[in-house]
Protein backbone atom coordinates (compact mmCIF):
# COMPACT_ATOMS: atom_id res chain seq x y z
CA MET A 1 21.04 -12.87 -28.37
CA VAL A 2 20.78 -13.14 -31.54
CA ARG A 3 17.51 -11.70 -32.60
CA ARG A 4 14.83 -13.24 -35.34
CA VAL A 5 13.74 -10.92 -38.24
CA PHE A 6 9.61 -10.77 -38.20
CA ILE A 7 7.49 -8.93 -40.80
CA LEU A 8 7.54 -6.47 -37.32
CA THR A 9 9.93 -4.62 -36.77
CA LEU A 10 11.23 -2.58 -33.60
CA VAL A 11 13.56 0.36 -33.84
CA ILE A 12 15.09 1.86 -30.65
CA THR A 13 15.63 5.52 -31.18
CA SER A 14 15.92 5.84 -27.38
CA PHE A 15 16.18 4.30 -23.94
CA PHE A 16 16.85 5.81 -20.70
CA GLY A 17 17.23 4.50 -16.69
CA CYS A 18 15.03 3.53 -14.86
CA ALA A 19 13.90 5.79 -11.61
CA THR A 20 13.99 4.21 -8.07
CA THR A 21 11.63 6.19 -6.04
CA PRO A 22 9.40 3.72 -4.19
CA ILE A 23 6.20 5.32 -5.03
CA ARG A 24 6.39 8.60 -6.54
CA LEU A 25 7.85 8.17 -9.51
CA VAL A 26 8.06 10.85 -12.21
CA ALA A 27 8.78 9.11 -15.50
CA PRO A 28 10.94 11.30 -18.54
CA LYS A 29 10.14 11.83 -21.72
CA ARG A 30 8.86 8.06 -22.75
CA PRO A 31 11.16 6.90 -25.76
CA VAL A 32 10.33 7.16 -29.08
CA PHE A 33 9.91 3.44 -31.08
CA GLU A 34 9.14 3.10 -34.65
CA ILE A 35 6.85 -0.07 -36.17
CA GLU A 36 7.61 -0.57 -40.02
CA TYR A 37 5.11 -2.78 -41.53
CA PRO A 38 5.37 -3.49 -44.99
CA ARG A 39 3.92 -0.63 -47.12
CA HIS A 40 3.93 1.56 -44.10
CA ARG A 41 5.64 2.99 -40.81
CA ILE A 42 3.92 3.97 -37.22
CA LYS A 43 5.66 6.60 -35.14
CA ILE A 44 4.44 5.76 -31.65
CA GLU A 45 5.67 6.09 -28.12
CA GLN A 46 6.28 3.30 -25.72
CA PRO A 47 5.56 3.33 -21.57
CA LEU A 48 8.38 3.88 -19.66
CA ILE A 49 9.55 0.08 -18.99
CA LEU A 50 10.37 0.39 -14.98
CA PRO A 51 12.07 -2.04 -12.55
CA TYR A 52 8.86 -4.56 -11.60
CA ARG A 53 8.10 -4.91 -8.11
CA GLY A 54 4.45 -4.74 -7.65
CA ILE A 55 1.01 -6.64 -7.18
CA TYR A 56 -1.46 -8.65 -8.22
CA LEU A 57 -5.74 -6.36 -7.87
CA ASN A 58 -9.15 -8.96 -8.03
CA CYS A 59 -11.59 -6.72 -9.31
CA TYR A 60 -13.11 -6.28 -6.09
CA ALA A 61 -10.61 -5.36 -4.36
CA ALA A 62 -9.17 -2.65 -7.30
CA ILE A 63 -12.32 -0.55 -5.76
CA ARG A 64 -10.31 -0.10 -3.09
CA LEU A 65 -7.30 1.30 -4.70
CA LYS A 66 -6.70 4.30 -2.80
CA ARG A 67 -6.49 1.98 0.11
CA TYR A 68 -3.69 -0.28 -0.92
CA ILE A 69 -1.32 3.04 -2.74
CA GLU A 70 -1.21 4.28 1.07
CA SER A 71 0.00 0.85 2.63
CA MET A 72 1.93 1.11 -0.99
CA ARG A 73 3.41 4.89 -0.06
CA GLY A 74 6.61 4.35 1.86
CA THR A 75 7.77 0.60 0.37
CA GLU A 76 9.06 -0.19 -2.40
CA LEU A 77 6.13 -1.43 -4.89
CA ASN A 78 5.39 0.80 -8.01
CA CYS A 79 3.04 -1.37 -10.62
CA VAL A 80 -0.47 -3.07 -9.99
CA VAL A 81 -2.16 -5.58 -12.18
CA VAL A 82 -5.21 -4.93 -12.42
CA ASP A 83 -7.94 -8.09 -13.27
CA PHE A 84 -10.18 -6.22 -16.27
CA LYS A 85 -11.17 -9.60 -17.59
CA ASN A 86 -11.22 -12.20 -15.36
CA ASP A 87 -10.87 -16.60 -15.35
CA VAL A 88 -14.88 -16.21 -15.49
CA GLY A 89 -15.21 -14.17 -18.73
CA LEU A 90 -16.15 -11.33 -16.53
CA VAL A 91 -15.30 -7.54 -18.34
CA THR A 92 -15.03 -5.66 -15.03
CA TYR A 93 -15.15 -2.31 -16.76
CA ASP A 94 -17.53 -0.06 -18.84
CA THR A 95 -16.43 -1.22 -22.10
CA ARG A 96 -16.72 0.58 -25.78
CA VAL A 97 -16.15 -3.51 -26.95
CA GLU A 98 -19.72 -4.55 -28.26
CA PHE A 99 -19.79 -8.57 -27.98
CA ALA A 100 -19.12 -8.02 -24.73
CA LYS A 101 -21.80 -6.44 -23.67
CA ARG A 102 -23.72 -9.17 -26.37
CA ILE A 103 -22.75 -11.99 -24.42
CA GLY A 104 -23.55 -10.39 -21.11
CA ALA A 105 -20.42 -10.29 -20.15
CA VAL A 106 -19.53 -6.73 -19.28
CA LYS A 107 -20.23 -5.84 -14.95
CA PRO A 108 -18.29 -2.67 -14.89
CA ILE A 109 -17.65 -2.27 -11.61
CA LEU A 110 -14.57 -0.47 -12.08
CA ASP A 111 -13.95 2.83 -12.71
CA LEU A 112 -11.99 2.78 -15.40
CA GLU A 113 -10.72 6.47 -16.45
CA SER A 114 -10.80 7.29 -12.63
CA ILE A 115 -8.39 4.11 -11.87
CA ILE A 116 -5.66 5.58 -14.08
CA ARG A 117 -6.18 8.73 -12.90
CA ILE A 118 -5.48 7.21 -9.72
CA CYS A 119 -2.09 5.43 -10.91
CA GLU A 120 -0.97 8.40 -12.68
CA GLU A 121 -1.10 10.70 -9.36
CA ASN A 122 0.37 8.39 -7.10
CA GLY A 123 3.67 7.16 -9.59
CA ILE A 124 1.66 3.75 -9.75
CA TYR A 125 2.48 1.98 -13.71
CA LEU A 126 -0.96 0.49 -14.25
CA ILE A 127 -0.48 -3.10 -16.03
CA GLY A 128 -4.51 -4.30 -17.05
CA ARG A 129 -4.95 -8.53 -16.99
CA ILE A 130 -7.15 -9.99 -19.58
CA VAL A 131 -7.38 -13.77 -19.03
CA VAL A 132 -7.56 -15.49 -22.75
CA PHE A 133 -8.92 -18.33 -22.78
CA LYS A 134 -10.62 -20.08 -19.41
CA ASP A 135 -14.08 -18.10 -19.89
CA SER A 136 -16.91 -19.67 -19.18
CA ILE A 137 -19.77 -16.96 -20.04
CA LEU A 138 -18.31 -16.45 -23.76
CA ALA A 139 -18.46 -20.83 -23.95
CA SER A 140 -20.78 -20.90 -22.45
CA TYR A 141 -23.06 -18.10 -24.71
CA ASP A 142 -24.52 -19.12 -28.46
CA ARG A 143 -24.87 -22.85 -26.95
CA GLY A 144 -21.82 -23.30 -27.01
CA ARG A 145 -20.73 -22.12 -30.70
CA TYR A 146 -17.02 -20.00 -29.20
CA GLY A 147 -16.64 -23.11 -26.48
CA ILE A 148 -14.71 -26.14 -26.84
CA ARG A 149 -16.71 -28.57 -26.82
CA HIS A 150 -17.38 -31.87 -25.66
CA LYS A 151 -17.28 -35.45 -28.38
CA ASN A 152 -20.42 -36.90 -26.07
CA GLY A 153 -21.94 -33.78 -26.93
CA GLY A 154 -22.46 -29.92 -24.81
CA VAL A 155 -19.41 -28.06 -23.74
CA TRP A 156 -16.50 -29.46 -22.38
CA LYS A 157 -15.42 -28.64 -18.95
CA ASP A 158 -11.98 -28.82 -16.94
CA ARG A 159 -11.86 -30.58 -13.43
CA ALA A 160 -12.99 -27.93 -11.83
CA GLY A 161 -16.13 -27.60 -13.78
CA ASN A 162 -14.70 -23.75 -15.74
CA LEU A 163 -15.41 -23.87 -19.04
CA TRP A 164 -12.28 -22.59 -21.62
CA VAL A 165 -13.60 -20.95 -25.52
CA ASP A 166 -12.16 -22.26 -28.41
CA GLN A 167 -8.03 -21.84 -28.93
CA TYR A 168 -8.84 -21.93 -32.54
CA SER A 169 -11.62 -20.22 -32.91
CA SER A 170 -10.28 -16.38 -35.13
CA GLU A 171 -13.58 -15.15 -33.46
CA VAL A 172 -12.41 -15.24 -30.82
CA TRP A 173 -9.28 -13.90 -30.90
CA ASP A 174 -9.94 -10.90 -31.86
CA TYR A 175 -12.83 -10.44 -28.99
CA VAL A 176 -9.87 -10.61 -26.76
CA ILE A 177 -7.64 -8.42 -28.75
CA ASP A 178 -10.35 -5.71 -29.17
CA ILE A 179 -11.02 -5.34 -25.10
CA ALA A 180 -7.37 -4.95 -25.05
CA LYS A 181 -7.04 -2.15 -27.45
CA ASP A 182 -10.46 -0.80 -26.11
CA LEU A 183 -7.99 -0.57 -22.89
CA ALA A 184 -4.59 0.59 -24.09
CA GLU A 185 -6.74 3.76 -26.33
CA ARG A 186 -7.90 4.52 -22.91
CA GLY A 187 -4.71 4.55 -21.10
CA VAL A 188 -3.68 1.25 -19.40
CA ARG A 189 0.33 0.93 -20.14
CA GLU A 190 0.50 -2.38 -20.25
CA ILE A 191 -1.62 -4.99 -21.12
CA GLN A 192 -0.54 -8.85 -19.56
CA PHE A 193 -2.64 -11.72 -20.64
CA ASP A 194 -3.12 -14.67 -19.00
CA TYR A 195 -4.53 -18.47 -19.47
CA VAL A 196 -2.83 -18.52 -22.76
CA ARG A 197 -2.83 -21.97 -22.95
CA PHE A 198 -4.77 -25.23 -23.37
CA PRO A 199 -6.74 -26.60 -20.61
CA SER A 200 -4.07 -29.26 -18.67
CA ARG A 201 -7.03 -30.66 -16.21
CA GLY A 202 -9.76 -32.91 -17.18
CA ASP A 203 -10.24 -35.24 -19.37
CA MET A 204 -7.98 -34.20 -22.67
CA ASN A 205 -9.25 -37.02 -24.82
CA ALA A 206 -12.65 -36.28 -24.57
CA MET A 207 -12.18 -32.06 -26.17
CA TRP A 208 -13.24 -31.47 -29.50
CA PHE A 209 -12.21 -28.08 -31.13
CA PHE A 210 -15.26 -27.43 -33.75
CA HIS A 211 -13.12 -24.57 -35.04
CA LYS A 212 -9.80 -26.56 -35.60
CA THR A 213 -9.34 -26.43 -39.38
CA GLU A 214 -6.20 -26.99 -39.96
CA ASP A 215 -3.48 -29.43 -38.32
CA ILE A 216 -1.38 -26.48 -36.33
CA GLU A 217 0.81 -27.55 -32.88
CA ARG A 218 -0.85 -25.99 -30.16
CA GLU A 219 2.33 -23.75 -29.03
CA ASP A 220 2.48 -22.15 -32.64
CA LEU A 221 -1.49 -21.61 -32.61
CA ILE A 222 -0.61 -20.43 -29.29
CA VAL A 223 2.44 -18.15 -31.27
CA GLU A 224 -0.46 -16.80 -33.86
CA PHE A 225 -2.56 -15.28 -31.35
CA LEU A 226 0.20 -13.58 -29.80
CA LYS A 227 2.20 -12.37 -32.66
CA LYS A 228 -1.64 -11.13 -34.20
CA ALA A 229 -2.00 -9.19 -30.75
CA TYR A 230 1.30 -7.51 -30.48
CA ILE A 231 1.17 -6.38 -34.59
CA SER A 232 -2.27 -5.15 -33.62
CA LEU A 233 -1.76 -3.56 -29.72
CA LYS A 234 1.75 -2.06 -30.30
CA PRO A 235 0.07 1.09 -32.86
CA HIS A 236 -1.15 2.52 -29.11
CA GLY A 237 1.88 2.85 -27.27
CA VAL A 238 1.65 -0.03 -24.39
CA ASN A 239 3.66 -3.30 -23.31
CA VAL A 240 2.73 -6.42 -23.59
CA ALA A 241 3.39 -9.30 -21.92
CA VAL A 242 2.27 -12.67 -20.87
CA ASP A 243 1.68 -14.82 -17.85
CA LEU A 244 3.29 -18.63 -18.21
CA TYR A 245 3.88 -21.68 -16.20
CA GLY A 246 7.22 -21.66 -14.45
CA TYR A 247 7.97 -24.97 -15.81
CA THR A 248 7.97 -23.14 -18.95
CA THR A 249 12.01 -21.79 -18.07
CA TRP A 250 12.78 -25.07 -16.83
CA LEU A 251 10.97 -27.49 -20.22
CA GLU A 252 11.65 -27.46 -24.14
CA SER A 253 8.33 -26.83 -24.53
CA MET A 254 4.92 -27.50 -23.04
CA LYS A 255 3.23 -29.49 -25.73
CA GLN A 256 -0.20 -30.10 -24.58
CA GLU A 257 -0.58 -26.51 -22.83
CA GLY A 258 1.11 -25.28 -25.44
CA GLN A 259 3.18 -22.79 -24.67
CA ASN A 260 7.53 -22.63 -25.75
CA ILE A 261 9.48 -19.20 -24.28
CA SER A 262 11.83 -19.67 -27.00
CA LYS A 263 8.72 -18.99 -30.10
CA ILE A 264 6.59 -16.46 -27.26
CA GLU A 265 9.40 -14.13 -26.99
CA ASN A 266 9.55 -12.70 -30.50
CA TRP A 267 6.05 -11.29 -29.91
CA VAL A 268 6.04 -9.71 -26.35
CA ASP A 269 7.73 -7.51 -24.16
CA VAL A 270 7.62 -8.87 -20.78
CA ILE A 271 7.12 -12.46 -20.23
CA CYS A 272 5.76 -13.47 -16.46
CA PRO A 273 6.88 -17.30 -15.50
CA MET A 274 4.47 -18.00 -12.40
CA LEU A 275 7.34 -19.50 -10.28
CA TYR A 276 4.99 -20.10 -6.95
CA PRO A 277 7.62 -22.66 -4.96
CA SER A 278 3.43 -24.13 -3.97
CA HIS A 279 2.67 -25.06 -7.69
CA PHE A 280 6.59 -26.62 -8.75
CA HIS A 281 6.50 -30.86 -7.16
CA ASN A 282 6.73 -31.85 -3.91
CA ASP A 283 10.28 -32.93 -5.03
CA PHE A 284 10.84 -30.38 -6.68
CA LYS A 285 15.31 -28.59 -5.38
CA LYS A 286 13.20 -30.56 -2.15
CA ASN A 287 16.70 -30.11 -0.94
CA THR A 288 17.68 -26.20 -1.10
CA ASN A 289 17.39 -24.22 1.75
CA PRO A 290 15.30 -22.03 1.85
CA ARG A 291 13.67 -23.66 -0.61
CA GLU A 292 11.40 -20.91 -1.77
CA TYR A 293 14.42 -18.53 -2.44
CA TYR A 294 16.38 -21.63 -4.87
CA ILE A 295 12.36 -22.23 -6.97
CA VAL A 296 12.66 -19.02 -8.32
CA TYR A 297 15.92 -17.98 -8.61
CA GLU A 298 17.50 -21.16 -10.56
CA SER A 299 13.97 -20.88 -12.91
CA LEU A 300 15.30 -17.27 -13.62
CA VAL A 301 18.50 -18.47 -14.83
CA ASN A 302 17.61 -20.99 -16.11
CA GLY A 303 15.05 -19.53 -18.31
CA TYR A 304 17.68 -17.41 -19.06
CA GLU A 305 19.75 -19.85 -20.97
CA THR A 306 16.64 -20.02 -23.79
CA ILE A 307 15.71 -15.63 -24.08
CA GLY A 308 18.62 -13.32 -21.65
CA ARG A 309 17.25 -12.04 -18.83
CA GLU A 310 15.53 -8.95 -20.30
CA LYS A 311 12.20 -9.21 -20.29
CA PHE A 312 11.60 -11.88 -17.20
CA VAL A 313 9.47 -10.13 -14.32
CA ALA A 314 8.69 -13.37 -11.88
CA TYR A 315 5.21 -13.79 -10.38
CA ILE A 316 6.45 -14.89 -6.96
CA GLN A 317 4.12 -16.45 -4.11
CA GLY A 318 2.29 -14.22 -1.92
CA PHE A 319 -0.10 -16.86 -0.77
CA ASP A 320 0.01 -19.91 1.97
CA TYR A 321 -1.07 -23.06 0.12
CA LYS A 322 1.06 -25.66 0.27
CA SER A 323 3.66 -23.25 2.33
CA PRO A 324 3.33 -24.37 6.06
CA ASN A 325 6.41 -21.49 6.45
CA PHE A 326 4.42 -18.88 4.51
CA GLY A 327 5.00 -16.01 6.12
CA PRO A 328 7.18 -12.33 5.49
CA GLU A 329 10.26 -14.55 5.76
CA TYR A 330 9.18 -16.63 2.47
CA ILE A 331 8.06 -14.08 0.17
CA GLY A 332 11.38 -12.05 1.74
CA ASN A 333 13.58 -14.92 0.26
CA GLN A 334 11.38 -14.73 -3.02
CA ILE A 335 12.56 -11.29 -3.74
CA LYS A 336 15.97 -11.89 -2.88
CA ALA A 337 15.52 -14.46 -5.31
CA VAL A 338 14.96 -12.01 -8.18
CA ARG A 339 16.89 -9.25 -7.80
CA ASP A 340 20.54 -11.66 -6.53
CA ALA A 341 18.40 -13.37 -10.47
CA LYS A 342 18.60 -9.66 -12.24
CA ALA A 343 15.41 -10.05 -13.72
CA ARG A 344 13.31 -7.19 -14.83
CA GLY A 345 11.23 -6.97 -11.36
CA TYR A 346 8.37 -9.19 -9.22
CA ILE A 347 5.00 -9.38 -9.27
CA VAL A 348 3.29 -11.18 -5.50
CA TRP A 349 0.39 -12.96 -6.19
CA ASN A 350 -2.26 -13.42 -4.01
CA ALA A 351 -5.91 -14.46 -5.58
CA ARG A 352 -7.60 -12.95 -2.45
CA SER A 353 -5.67 -9.74 -2.60
CA ASP A 354 -4.67 -10.25 0.78
CA TYR A 355 -1.12 -8.45 0.81
CA SER A 356 -1.20 -7.77 4.95
CA VAL A 357 2.06 -10.43 4.88
CA LEU A 358 4.04 -8.24 2.24
CA PHE A 359 3.45 -4.59 3.74
CA GLN A 360 4.22 -6.40 6.89
CA LEU A 361 7.82 -7.72 5.27
CA LEU A 362 8.45 -4.08 3.34
CA LYS A 363 7.58 -1.97 6.39
CA SER A 364 9.75 -3.72 8.89
CA LYS A 365 12.76 -2.72 5.53
CA ARG A 366 11.42 0.74 5.95
């Protein structure tokens, strides 16, 4: 695959294989990357990229991280995604970002240093999730200064009543990136951006972007945000990941949401398409059996035609929504699809962080 050349150039000086021990992963010395900027070079350490086999923990579940790790012990699971800025806009740890404190976003229910230490002691790869543009706290601050506005006045709300910040605001970008840098500087090894898009539900025609000063395609704006984040974060030695709609592996562009996988891939290390079978149209792959296997497998293989396989880590379904046959086999079929497609790995999503069915599956395979 041909790589495009940008101002940011990565020069790999070493590489080694991935550990396979389920929990006690002892990483060798990290490979060193060099980032070349126009006037200077910075040597950094790049965290080891594992074969991802993980789960998502919301901020309240992450308080019980040790319990989850005990359940993970002896299974193939080796990483966790933890909410450090959720989809309400809550910053869940003691951030040093003053703006987060000023807008009332900080609720430090998580002890960041403790979470990092527990993960390191147990060989768990820690990924920090940051929700970007879905943020009711920031959108409502200062009379909606940073929110998407409604053309008839006030702050625009999506169909579910959620507020979104203005994607064109450079101050919003800086705020999100500052939180990501704070996490990176304190030891989080990967930053995963979610909701890096425009809204897709609600009265789209009523949205007014107060901070929009030039005509730019939505997908190009999203790319510019990720580019700025990537350049800002790489000197801190972290991987940068992005969550995308599952349909991005099938469509050349999702113009309304602003997601174009072929443009985005240049500015992230990891791409996480959300391949939940429940979120595809009912007719999609309806004649395949098991449907959950073929949705995940064919979505990945189709995505490889655009950017290759090395960056794909699939989010798979760990919940029963619109899935009457949900159970251990349902999750197992998705995991098998990821393996058969030879993706880099998978992360199981359950919004409540209830993984009893997943643990039932994995422990039956010991």
